[in-house]
Amino acid sequence: MTQRITEKFLDNMIKNINNRTGRKYFLEYAYGGVKLVHTYENGGYTDESYRMTKREMYYVLDALQHFINHN
């Protein structure tokens, strides 16, 4: 059985990534999908990913966390 990926679960992953990197990322949810967005101090932002399913975003964030932990 697979684990259900919820918005709360993904948001907690983003909080962890933000704390570890000092950057400001957030997830934008719309139309049943989610995308990763990076915000800048001047108020601008950029999309860091295409819109994808929550499960696909989980894999992206999990890989990002592994990268951060090993560097």
N, C-alpha and C. Protein backbone atom coordinates (compact mmCIF):
# COMPACT_ATOMS: atom_id res chain seq x y z
N MET A 1 0.84 -1.17 0.00
CA MET A 1 0.00 0.00 0.00
C MET A 1 0.89 1.24 0.00
N THR A 2 0.51 2.24 -0.77
CA THR A 2 1.30 3.45 -0.84
C THR A 2 0.78 4.50 0.13
N GLN A 3 1.66 5.38 0.54
CA GLN A 3 1.29 6.45 1.47
C GLN A 3 0.56 7.55 0.71
N ARG A 4 -0.49 8.08 1.31
CA ARG A 4 -1.22 9.19 0.70
C ARG A 4 -0.40 10.47 0.87
N ILE A 5 -0.21 11.20 -0.22
CA ILE A 5 0.55 12.44 -0.19
C ILE A 5 -0.44 13.59 -0.08
N THR A 6 -0.38 14.32 1.03
CA THR A 6 -1.30 15.41 1.26
C THR A 6 -0.58 16.76 1.11
N GLU A 7 -1.36 17.83 0.98
CA GLU A 7 -0.78 19.17 0.91
C GLU A 7 0.01 19.47 2.19
N LYS A 8 -0.52 19.07 3.33
CA LYS A 8 0.17 19.31 4.60
C LYS A 8 1.52 18.61 4.63
N PHE A 9 1.56 17.38 4.13
CA PHE A 9 2.81 16.61 4.08
C PHE A 9 3.84 17.33 3.21
N LEU A 10 3.42 17.78 2.01
CA LEU A 10 4.32 18.49 1.11
C LEU A 10 4.76 19.82 1.70
N ASP A 11 3.84 20.54 2.33
CA ASP A 11 4.18 21.83 2.94
C ASP A 11 5.21 21.66 4.05
N ASN A 12 5.13 20.56 4.80
CA ASN A 12 6.15 20.30 5.83
C ASN A 12 7.50 20.01 5.20
N MET A 13 7.51 19.35 4.06
CA MET A 13 8.78 19.10 3.35
C MET A 13 9.39 20.43 2.91
N ILE A 14 8.55 21.34 2.41
CA ILE A 14 9.04 22.65 1.97
C ILE A 14 9.59 23.45 3.15
N LYS A 15 8.93 23.42 4.29
CA LYS A 15 9.43 24.12 5.47
C LYS A 15 10.81 23.61 5.85
N ASN A 16 11.00 22.31 5.78
CA ASN A 16 12.29 21.71 6.08
C ASN A 16 13.35 22.18 5.09
N ILE A 17 13.02 22.18 3.82
CA ILE A 17 13.96 22.64 2.79
C ILE A 17 14.30 24.11 3.00
N ASN A 18 13.29 24.94 3.27
CA ASN A 18 13.54 26.37 3.51
C ASN A 18 14.46 26.57 4.71
N ASN A 19 14.23 25.82 5.78
CA ASN A 19 15.07 25.95 6.97
C ASN A 19 16.50 25.53 6.70
N ARG A 20 16.67 24.50 5.91
CA ARG A 20 18.02 23.98 5.62
C ARG A 20 18.80 24.85 4.65
N THR A 21 18.10 25.50 3.70
CA THR A 21 18.78 26.26 2.66
C THR A 21 18.79 27.77 2.90
N GLY A 22 17.88 28.26 3.73
CA GLY A 22 17.77 29.70 3.92
C GLY A 22 17.07 30.40 2.76
N ARG A 23 16.51 29.64 1.87
CA ARG A 23 15.77 30.20 0.72
C ARG A 23 14.28 30.14 1.00
N LYS A 24 13.52 30.79 0.15
CA LYS A 24 12.07 30.83 0.33
C LYS A 24 11.38 30.16 -0.85
N TYR A 25 10.97 28.94 -0.62
CA TYR A 25 10.19 28.20 -1.61
C TYR A 25 8.77 28.04 -1.08
N PHE A 26 7.83 27.91 -1.99
CA PHE A 26 6.48 27.54 -1.59
C PHE A 26 5.86 26.73 -2.70
N LEU A 27 4.77 26.05 -2.37
CA LEU A 27 4.06 25.24 -3.34
C LEU A 27 2.78 25.94 -3.74
N GLU A 28 2.53 25.97 -5.02
CA GLU A 28 1.31 26.58 -5.54
C GLU A 28 0.39 25.46 -6.02
N TYR A 29 -0.79 25.39 -5.43
CA TYR A 29 -1.76 24.36 -5.75
C TYR A 29 -2.86 24.94 -6.63
N ALA A 30 -3.15 24.27 -7.75
CA ALA A 30 -4.25 24.70 -8.62
C ALA A 30 -4.58 23.57 -9.59
N TYR A 31 -5.86 23.47 -9.91
CA TYR A 31 -6.34 22.51 -10.92
C TYR A 31 -5.91 21.08 -10.63
N GLY A 32 -5.83 20.72 -9.36
CA GLY A 32 -5.47 19.37 -8.98
C GLY A 32 -3.99 19.06 -9.06
N GLY A 33 -3.18 20.07 -9.34
CA GLY A 33 -1.74 19.87 -9.43
C GLY A 33 -1.00 20.80 -8.49
N VAL A 34 0.31 20.71 -8.51
CA VAL A 34 1.15 21.52 -7.63
C VAL A 34 2.44 21.85 -8.37
N LYS A 35 2.98 23.04 -8.11
CA LYS A 35 4.29 23.38 -8.66
C LYS A 35 5.12 24.08 -7.62
N LEU A 36 6.43 23.98 -7.76
CA LEU A 36 7.39 24.56 -6.83
C LEU A 36 7.74 25.96 -7.31
N VAL A 37 7.68 26.94 -6.40
CA VAL A 37 7.95 28.33 -6.72
C VAL A 37 8.98 28.87 -5.75
N HIS A 38 9.92 29.66 -6.28
CA HIS A 38 10.95 30.30 -5.46
C HIS A 38 10.66 31.79 -5.43
N THR A 39 10.63 32.38 -4.22
CA THR A 39 10.40 33.82 -4.08
C THR A 39 11.71 34.52 -3.76
N TYR A 40 11.82 35.74 -4.23
CA TYR A 40 13.01 36.56 -4.01
C TYR A 40 12.70 37.65 -3.00
N GLU A 41 13.74 38.21 -2.40
CA GLU A 41 13.57 39.25 -1.39
C GLU A 41 12.91 40.50 -1.95
N ASN A 42 13.09 40.77 -3.25
CA ASN A 42 12.49 41.96 -3.85
C ASN A 42 11.01 41.77 -4.18
N GLY A 43 10.47 40.59 -3.86
CA GLY A 43 9.05 40.33 -4.10
C GLY A 43 8.77 39.54 -5.36
N GLY A 44 9.79 39.34 -6.18
CA GLY A 44 9.60 38.56 -7.40
C GLY A 44 9.59 37.07 -7.11
N TYR A 45 9.20 36.31 -8.09
CA TYR A 45 9.21 34.85 -7.93
C TYR A 45 9.43 34.20 -9.29
N THR A 46 9.83 32.94 -9.23
CA THR A 46 10.04 32.17 -10.45
C THR A 46 9.57 30.75 -10.21
N ASP A 47 9.00 30.16 -11.25
CA ASP A 47 8.58 28.76 -11.17
C ASP A 47 9.83 27.88 -11.26
N GLU A 48 9.96 26.97 -10.33
CA GLU A 48 11.09 26.04 -10.32
C GLU A 48 10.71 24.68 -10.90
N SER A 49 9.42 24.47 -11.14
CA SER A 49 8.98 23.20 -11.73
C SER A 49 7.71 23.44 -12.53
N TYR A 50 7.40 22.48 -13.33
CA TYR A 50 6.11 22.47 -14.01
C TYR A 50 5.06 21.97 -13.03
N ARG A 51 3.79 22.18 -13.38
CA ARG A 51 2.71 21.64 -12.56
C ARG A 51 2.73 20.12 -12.69
N MET A 52 2.57 19.44 -11.55
CA MET A 52 2.61 17.99 -11.53
C MET A 52 1.69 17.48 -10.44
N THR A 53 1.57 16.18 -10.33
CA THR A 53 0.74 15.60 -9.27
C THR A 53 1.47 15.73 -7.93
N LYS A 54 0.73 15.57 -6.84
CA LYS A 54 1.35 15.63 -5.52
C LYS A 54 2.38 14.52 -5.34
N ARG A 55 2.11 13.36 -5.88
CA ARG A 55 3.07 12.25 -5.76
C ARG A 55 4.37 12.58 -6.51
N GLU A 56 4.24 13.14 -7.71
CA GLU A 56 5.44 13.52 -8.46
C GLU A 56 6.22 14.59 -7.71
N MET A 57 5.51 15.55 -7.11
CA MET A 57 6.18 16.60 -6.35
C MET A 57 6.87 16.00 -5.13
N TYR A 58 6.27 15.01 -4.51
CA TYR A 58 6.92 14.33 -3.39
C TYR A 58 8.27 13.78 -3.82
N TYR A 59 8.33 13.15 -4.99
CA TYR A 59 9.61 12.60 -5.47
C TYR A 59 10.63 13.70 -5.72
N VAL A 60 10.20 14.84 -6.25
CA VAL A 60 11.10 15.97 -6.49
C VAL A 60 11.65 16.50 -5.16
N LEU A 61 10.75 16.74 -4.20
CA LEU A 61 11.18 17.28 -2.91
C LEU A 61 12.04 16.29 -2.14
N ASP A 62 11.72 15.02 -2.23
CA ASP A 62 12.53 13.99 -1.57
C ASP A 62 13.94 13.99 -2.14
N ALA A 63 14.07 14.08 -3.44
CA ALA A 63 15.39 14.13 -4.08
C ALA A 63 16.14 15.39 -3.66
N LEU A 64 15.43 16.52 -3.59
CA LEU A 64 16.06 17.77 -3.17
C LEU A 64 16.55 17.67 -1.73
N GLN A 65 15.76 17.06 -0.85
CA GLN A 65 16.19 16.88 0.54
C GLN A 65 17.42 15.99 0.63
N HIS A 66 17.45 14.93 -0.16
CA HIS A 66 18.63 14.05 -0.15
C HIS A 66 19.86 14.80 -0.63
N PHE A 67 19.71 15.62 -1.65
CA PHE A 67 20.82 16.41 -2.17
C PHE A 67 21.34 17.37 -1.10
N ILE A 68 20.43 18.06 -0.42
CA ILE A 68 20.81 19.02 0.63
C ILE A 68 21.53 18.30 1.75
N ASN A 69 21.04 17.14 2.16
CA ASN A 69 21.64 16.40 3.28
C ASN A 69 23.02 15.86 2.96
N HIS A 70 23.33 15.68 1.69
CA HIS A 70 24.62 15.08 1.33
C HIS A 70 25.61 16.10 0.79
N ASN A 71 25.30 17.37 0.89
CA ASN A 71 26.23 18.43 0.44
C ASN A 71 26.54 19.38 1.55
